[in-house]
Amino acid sequence: MQECLYCHKELAAKAKGCPHCGMAYPTGRPIYTFPAVIIAFLICCVICFFYLQRYAGTPDWLSVVIAIPIVLLLFAGLNKLGTFCG
C-alpha cells in the first residue's frame, strides 16, 4: 500500500489514480529517459545554435546560452500537449 500525495489516504500499490480525490498518477517512464528524445533534443540545440549564430549574428557564447532554453521550452510545450508520451 502507498499513500496519496494529495489527500494522504491509502492506495493500492499499482493504482493509476486516487479513488478518494481523483488525482491521476503517471505510469511508465518519464519522457526524458527515452534515447530518441535525448538525441532529438541535442539535434534541435545544434540547429537552434546554428540559426542564432548564422542568421541573427549572435556571438558563440550567447548562442549557446539562448539555444538551450529555447529548445527546453519547445520540448516542454510539446510534452504538455502530449506529443511525446500521450
Protein backbone atom coordinates (compact mmCIF):
# COMPACT_ATOMS: atom_id res chain seq x y z
CA MET A 1 0.00 0.00 0.00
CA GLN A 2 1.09 3.54 -0.67
CA GLU A 3 -0.20 6.95 0.33
CA CYS A 4 -1.78 9.52 -1.99
CA LEU A 5 0.43 12.58 -2.33
CA TYR A 6 -2.57 14.90 -2.31
CA CYS A 7 -5.20 13.61 0.15
CA HIS A 8 -2.86 11.28 2.14
CA LYS A 9 -5.25 8.32 2.07
CA GLU A 10 -4.09 4.78 1.31
CA LEU A 11 -3.93 3.50 -2.28
CA ALA A 12 -3.25 0.17 -3.87
CA ALA A 13 0.40 -0.31 -4.82
CA LYS A 14 -0.25 -0.14 -8.58
CA ALA A 15 -3.05 2.42 -8.57
CA LYS A 16 -3.25 4.72 -11.59
CA GLY A 17 -5.23 7.27 -9.64
CA CYS A 18 -6.62 8.02 -6.22
CA PRO A 19 -10.24 6.84 -5.77
CA HIS A 20 -10.73 9.40 -2.98
CA CYS A 21 -9.57 12.70 -4.53
CA GLY A 22 -9.36 11.68 -8.22
CA MET A 23 -5.74 12.70 -8.80
CA ALA A 24 -4.05 10.64 -11.51
CA TYR A 25 -0.55 9.23 -11.18
CA PRO A 26 1.53 8.88 -14.35
CA THR A 27 2.56 5.42 -15.39
CA GLY A 28 5.52 4.42 -17.48
CA ARG A 29 8.85 6.10 -17.98
CA PRO A 30 9.33 9.87 -17.92
CA ILE A 31 9.80 11.44 -21.35
CA TYR A 32 13.44 12.37 -20.83
CA THR A 33 14.53 8.76 -20.34
CA PHE A 34 13.86 7.85 -23.97
CA PRO A 35 17.11 7.90 -26.01
CA ALA A 36 15.32 9.17 -29.13
CA VAL A 37 14.05 12.22 -27.23
CA ILE A 38 17.54 12.98 -25.92
CA ILE A 39 19.02 12.69 -29.42
CA ALA A 40 16.25 14.89 -30.86
CA PHE A 41 16.89 17.45 -28.10
CA LEU A 42 20.62 17.59 -28.94
CA ILE A 43 19.93 17.91 -32.67
CA CYS A 44 17.45 20.73 -32.03
CA CYS A 45 20.03 22.51 -29.84
CA VAL A 46 22.61 22.32 -32.63
CA ILE A 47 20.13 23.58 -35.24
CA CYS A 48 18.99 26.42 -32.97
CA PHE A 49 22.63 27.32 -32.24
CA PHE A 50 23.41 27.35 -35.97
CA TYR A 51 20.47 29.62 -36.84
CA LEU A 52 21.13 32.00 -33.96
CA GLN A 53 24.75 32.33 -34.96
CA ARG A 54 24.30 32.40 -38.72
CA TYR A 55 21.17 34.49 -39.22
CA ALA A 56 20.84 36.51 -36.01
CA GLY A 57 24.55 37.23 -35.79
CA THR A 58 24.82 36.44 -32.09
CA PRO A 59 28.24 35.59 -30.62
CA ASP A 60 29.10 31.94 -29.86
CA TRP A 61 28.65 32.16 -26.10
CA LEU A 62 25.31 33.94 -26.41
CA SER A 63 24.04 31.44 -28.97
CA VAL A 64 24.72 28.59 -26.54
CA VAL A 65 23.09 30.47 -23.66
CA ILE A 66 19.97 31.21 -25.74
CA ALA A 67 19.66 27.96 -27.73
CA ILE A 68 19.29 25.55 -24.81
CA PRO A 69 16.40 27.38 -23.05
CA ILE A 70 14.59 27.83 -26.39
CA VAL A 71 14.73 24.09 -27.10
CA LEU A 72 13.79 23.24 -23.50
CA LEU A 73 10.69 25.43 -23.79
CA LEU A 74 9.83 23.80 -27.11
CA PHE A 75 10.13 20.29 -25.68
CA ALA A 76 8.22 21.22 -22.52
CA GLY A 77 5.38 22.62 -24.64
CA LEU A 78 5.27 19.53 -26.85
CA ASN A 79 5.27 17.29 -23.78
CA LYS A 80 2.37 19.26 -22.28
CA LEU A 81 0.41 18.78 -25.50
CA GLY A 82 1.02 15.04 -25.24
CA THR A 83 3.08 14.78 -28.41
CA PHE A 84 5.80 12.59 -26.91
CA CYS A 85 4.10 10.49 -24.28
CA GLY A 86 0.40 10.93 -24.86
